Protein backbone atom coordinates (compact mmCIF):
# COMPACT_ATOMS: atom_id res chain seq x y z
CA MET A 1 8.81 -4.25 -18.47
CA SER A 2 11.71 -5.67 -16.14
CA SER A 3 12.43 -8.32 -14.28
CA TYR A 4 14.57 -9.46 -11.26
CA ALA A 5 17.22 -12.33 -11.48
CA PHE A 6 14.47 -14.98 -10.05
CA SER A 7 11.54 -16.54 -9.84
CA ILE A 8 9.76 -19.43 -8.49
CA THR A 9 9.26 -22.81 -10.32
CA SER A 10 7.45 -23.08 -13.38
CA ALA A 11 4.43 -24.51 -13.01
CA GLY A 12 4.30 -28.13 -14.87
CA THR A 13 7.84 -28.59 -13.68
CA LYS A 14 8.34 -32.18 -12.57
CA ILE A 15 10.32 -32.66 -9.61
CA SER A 16 11.94 -36.28 -8.93
CA ASN A 17 13.11 -37.28 -5.70
CA GLN A 18 14.94 -40.42 -4.51
CA ALA A 19 15.91 -41.73 -1.15
CA GLU A 20 19.07 -43.30 -0.01
CA MET A 21 20.39 -45.05 2.71
CA THR A 22 23.52 -46.54 3.35
CA TYR A 23 24.35 -49.21 6.26
CA PHE A 24 27.20 -51.61 7.20
CA ASN A 25 27.27 -55.12 6.39
CA THR A 26 28.61 -57.29 8.69
CA GLU A 27 28.82 -60.62 6.61
CA LEU A 28 30.03 -58.61 3.59
CA GLY A 29 32.22 -56.48 5.53
CA GLU A 30 31.09 -53.51 3.56
CA ASP A 31 28.94 -50.74 3.16
CA VAL A 32 25.84 -51.21 0.96
CA LYS A 33 23.79 -48.79 -0.39
CA VAL A 34 20.22 -48.63 -0.90
CA LEU A 35 17.92 -46.71 -2.90
CA SER A 36 14.15 -46.24 -2.92
CA ASN A 37 11.78 -45.84 -5.84
CA TYR A 38 11.73 -42.54 -7.64
CA SER A 39 8.90 -40.32 -6.44
CA TYR A 40 7.81 -37.27 -8.83
CA VAL A 41 5.83 -34.19 -8.13
CA THR A 42 4.26 -31.52 -10.68
CA VAL A 43 4.38 -28.23 -9.58
CA ALA A 44 1.27 -26.50 -9.54
CA SER A 45 0.05 -23.12 -11.14
CA VAL A 46 0.49 -20.15 -8.92
CA TYR A 47 -0.74 -16.86 -9.59
CA SER A 48 0.30 -14.22 -7.42
CA TYR A 49 1.42 -10.51 -7.71
CA THR A 50 2.62 -7.80 -5.22
CA ILE A 51 1.56 -3.78 -5.96
CA SER A 52 3.83 -1.35 -4.41
CA PRO A 53 3.25 0.72 -2.27
CA THR A 54 1.64 -2.58 -0.73
CA ASP A 55 -1.81 -1.99 1.14
CA ASN A 56 -1.13 -1.53 4.92
CA GLY A 57 -4.49 -2.98 6.14
CA ASP A 58 -5.71 0.04 7.34
CA SER A 59 -7.42 3.31 6.67
CA ASP A 60 -4.22 5.12 6.15
CA PRO A 61 -3.11 5.85 2.41
CA GLU A 62 -0.34 4.21 1.32
CA VAL A 63 1.23 7.66 -0.47
CA THR A 64 0.94 11.08 0.50
CA ARG A 65 1.47 13.87 -2.12
CA TYR A 66 1.40 17.86 -1.85
CA VAL A 67 0.51 19.75 -4.65
CA PRO A 68 -0.24 23.64 -4.88
CA ILE A 69 -3.73 25.05 -5.45
CA GLY A 70 -4.37 23.68 -9.26
CA GLY A 71 -1.12 21.54 -9.07
CA THR A 72 -0.97 17.61 -10.70
CA ALA A 73 -0.23 15.23 -8.44
CA SER A 74 1.70 11.93 -9.86
CA ILE A 75 1.45 8.67 -7.96
CA ARG A 76 4.08 5.79 -8.67
CA ASN A 77 2.79 2.19 -8.36
CA THR A 78 4.79 -0.97 -9.48
CA ILE A 79 3.24 -4.23 -10.25
CA GLU A 80 4.79 -7.65 -10.36
CA ASN A 81 4.44 -11.11 -11.05
CA THR A 82 5.24 -13.06 -8.37
CA GLY A 83 3.64 -16.32 -9.68
CA ASN A 84 4.94 -18.95 -11.78
CA GLU A 85 2.39 -18.47 -14.37
CA ASP A 86 2.47 -15.70 -16.80
CA ASP A 87 -0.52 -12.92 -16.01
CA SER A 88 -1.62 -9.73 -16.79
CA TYR A 89 -3.76 -7.43 -14.51
CA VAL A 90 -6.71 -5.07 -15.14
CA LEU A 91 -6.09 -1.86 -13.15
CA ASP A 92 -8.32 1.26 -12.48
CA VAL A 93 -8.50 4.37 -10.23
CA ASN A 94 -11.29 5.47 -8.19
CA ASN A 95 -11.83 8.60 -6.12
CA LEU A 96 -12.75 7.90 -2.29
CA THR A 97 -15.53 9.34 -0.46
CA GLY A 98 -14.72 11.17 2.80
CA ASP A 99 -12.39 14.18 1.29
CA SER A 100 -12.82 17.46 -0.01
CA GLY A 101 -14.08 15.89 -3.82
CA ASP A 102 -12.94 14.22 -6.69
CA ILE A 103 -9.68 15.10 -9.04
CA TYR A 104 -8.97 13.78 -12.40
CA THR A 105 -6.18 13.56 -15.28
CA GLU A 106 -8.55 15.15 -17.61
CA GLY A 107 -12.71 15.51 -17.65
CA THR A 108 -13.93 12.90 -15.36
CA GLU A 109 -10.73 10.10 -16.09
CA ILE A 110 -7.93 9.14 -14.42
CA LYS A 111 -5.59 8.24 -16.51
CA ILE A 112 -2.48 5.35 -16.01
CA PHE A 113 0.81 5.42 -17.61
CA ILE A 114 3.88 3.43 -18.26
CA ASP A 115 6.87 5.07 -15.91
CA GLU A 116 9.48 4.06 -18.90
CA ASN A 117 12.22 5.91 -16.91
CA GLY A 118 11.31 4.65 -13.39
CA ASP A 119 11.25 8.00 -12.28
CA GLY A 120 7.38 8.26 -10.44
CA LEU A 121 6.58 10.90 -12.12
CA HIS A 122 4.27 11.49 -15.31
CA ASN A 123 6.48 12.75 -17.89
CA TYR A 124 5.66 14.02 -21.50
CA GLY A 125 5.80 11.49 -23.92
CA GLU A 126 5.06 8.41 -21.75
CA LYS A 127 2.28 6.16 -22.96
CA GLU A 128 -0.96 5.60 -21.49
CA LEU A 129 -1.64 1.91 -20.63
CA GLU A 130 -3.67 -0.11 -23.09
CA LYS A 131 -7.40 -0.54 -22.06
CA ASN A 132 -9.35 -4.09 -22.63
CA GLU A 133 -12.84 -4.12 -24.72
CA ASP A 134 -14.59 -3.19 -21.75
CA GLY A 135 -12.54 0.20 -21.28
CA SER A 136 -10.63 -0.97 -18.38
CA TYR A 137 -6.94 -0.51 -18.36
CA ILE A 138 -4.84 -3.56 -18.33
CA THR A 139 -1.41 -4.26 -18.19
CA PRO A 140 1.05 -6.19 -20.89
CA THR A 141 1.49 -9.66 -20.17
CA LEU A 142 4.07 -10.11 -17.43
CA ALA A 143 6.28 -13.00 -17.09
CA PRO A 144 7.02 -14.38 -13.44
CA GLY A 145 9.52 -12.23 -12.21
CA GLU A 146 8.56 -9.34 -14.16
CA PHE A 147 7.64 -5.90 -12.76
CA LEU A 148 5.85 -2.75 -14.71
CA GLN A 149 6.30 0.59 -13.07
CA LEU A 150 3.47 2.81 -13.49
CA THR A 151 2.09 6.33 -12.42
CA TYR A 152 -1.19 7.99 -12.73
CA ALA A 153 -1.78 11.90 -12.54
CA ALA A 154 -4.60 13.74 -11.18
CA THR A 155 -4.87 17.57 -10.92
CA THR A 156 -6.47 20.03 -8.55
CA PRO A 157 -8.92 22.60 -9.14
CA SER A 158 -8.03 25.95 -8.99
CA SER A 159 -11.33 26.60 -6.61
CA VAL A 160 -9.04 24.21 -3.75
CA SER A 161 -8.25 25.59 -0.55
CA GLU A 162 -5.20 25.07 1.21
CA ASN A 163 -5.07 21.73 3.20
CA ASP A 164 -8.02 20.18 1.30
CA ASN A 165 -7.36 16.64 0.51
CA PHE A 166 -8.17 13.97 -1.91
CA LEU A 167 -8.55 10.20 -1.34
CA LEU A 168 -7.46 7.97 -4.41
CA SER A 169 -7.34 4.28 -4.84
CA LEU A 170 -5.72 2.20 -7.55
CA ASN A 171 -7.29 -1.25 -7.80
CA ALA A 172 -5.96 -4.31 -9.67
CA GLN A 173 -7.55 -7.78 -10.32
CA SER A 174 -5.54 -10.99 -11.65
CA ILE A 175 -6.62 -12.18 -15.30
CA GLY A 176 -5.51 -15.63 -14.25
CA ASP A 177 -7.28 -15.37 -11.21
CA PRO A 178 -9.89 -13.39 -11.01
CA GLU A 179 -10.29 -13.65 -7.16
CA LEU A 180 -6.93 -11.95 -6.73
CA ILE A 181 -8.08 -8.41 -6.22
CA LYS A 182 -5.35 -5.36 -4.66
CA LYS A 183 -5.47 -2.14 -4.04
CA SER A 184 -2.83 0.57 -3.42
CA ASP A 185 -4.56 4.26 -1.78
CA ALA A 186 -3.09 7.76 -2.03
CA GLU A 187 -3.78 11.24 -0.76
CA VAL A 188 -3.57 14.50 -2.42
CA ILE A 189 -3.12 17.35 -0.10
CA VAL A 190 -3.21 21.03 -1.11
CA ALA A 191 -0.23 23.13 0.01
CA ASP A 192 0.47 26.88 -0.12
CA GLY A 193 3.01 27.59 -3.00
CA PRO A 194 5.51 25.06 -4.31
CA ALA A 195 5.27 21.60 -2.84
CA LEU A 196 8.20 18.98 -2.31
CA ASN A 197 7.48 15.51 -2.61
CA LEU A 198 10.42 12.80 -1.78
CA THR A 199 10.12 8.95 -2.90
CA VAL A 200 12.00 6.24 -1.04
CA GLY A 201 12.03 3.22 -3.97
CA SER A 202 12.82 -0.49 -3.38
CA ASP A 203 13.36 -1.57 -6.64
CA PRO A 204 16.63 -2.68 -7.91
CA VAL A 205 19.21 -0.21 -9.50
CA CYS A 206 20.21 -2.61 -12.27
CA HIS A 207 17.14 -3.78 -14.40
CA LEU A 208 17.18 -6.97 -16.99
CA ARG A 209 15.58 -5.75 -19.97
């Protein structure tokens, strides 16, 4: 897990405010300062998070990967806690309809891994994300401002043809506020021969760890 060097004000923080007015008193011949009573505001809990790449709101996938026949596509996502409360997130990856079929990491499961070096690839030895008691993937608890880089991998079968495509969707749900549900879609396209995928990231070069 990593964190940016900022976050929003913590829930429960008490903020005080006092107004000040200054006027010139002609009888005294001097400035007089008047202070109001203090007013207090307590910061409420805010659950908020982002997934990168962010859902663009239309039917186009946020990520496209090209793989050879029988090749494995690694899809990178970053989830960040942008609220002011600690939170964790239930994740799953689903095959979508309207494409050339379904693809998986192994068997009939698409596995999610922690992208420990942030290169967007599933590398040997990188840990699979833990699962909850329901068998769904769940992130570690992220403090406000913390983010977690993830990848999931899916392999195309040897029976596919060039230009076959496969649609996948990463879905996330906040534990702190289950109504906060987000997704990020990806498309895997089979290419003839080796494939080169370029990724432009917006994460900072330097992380706090």
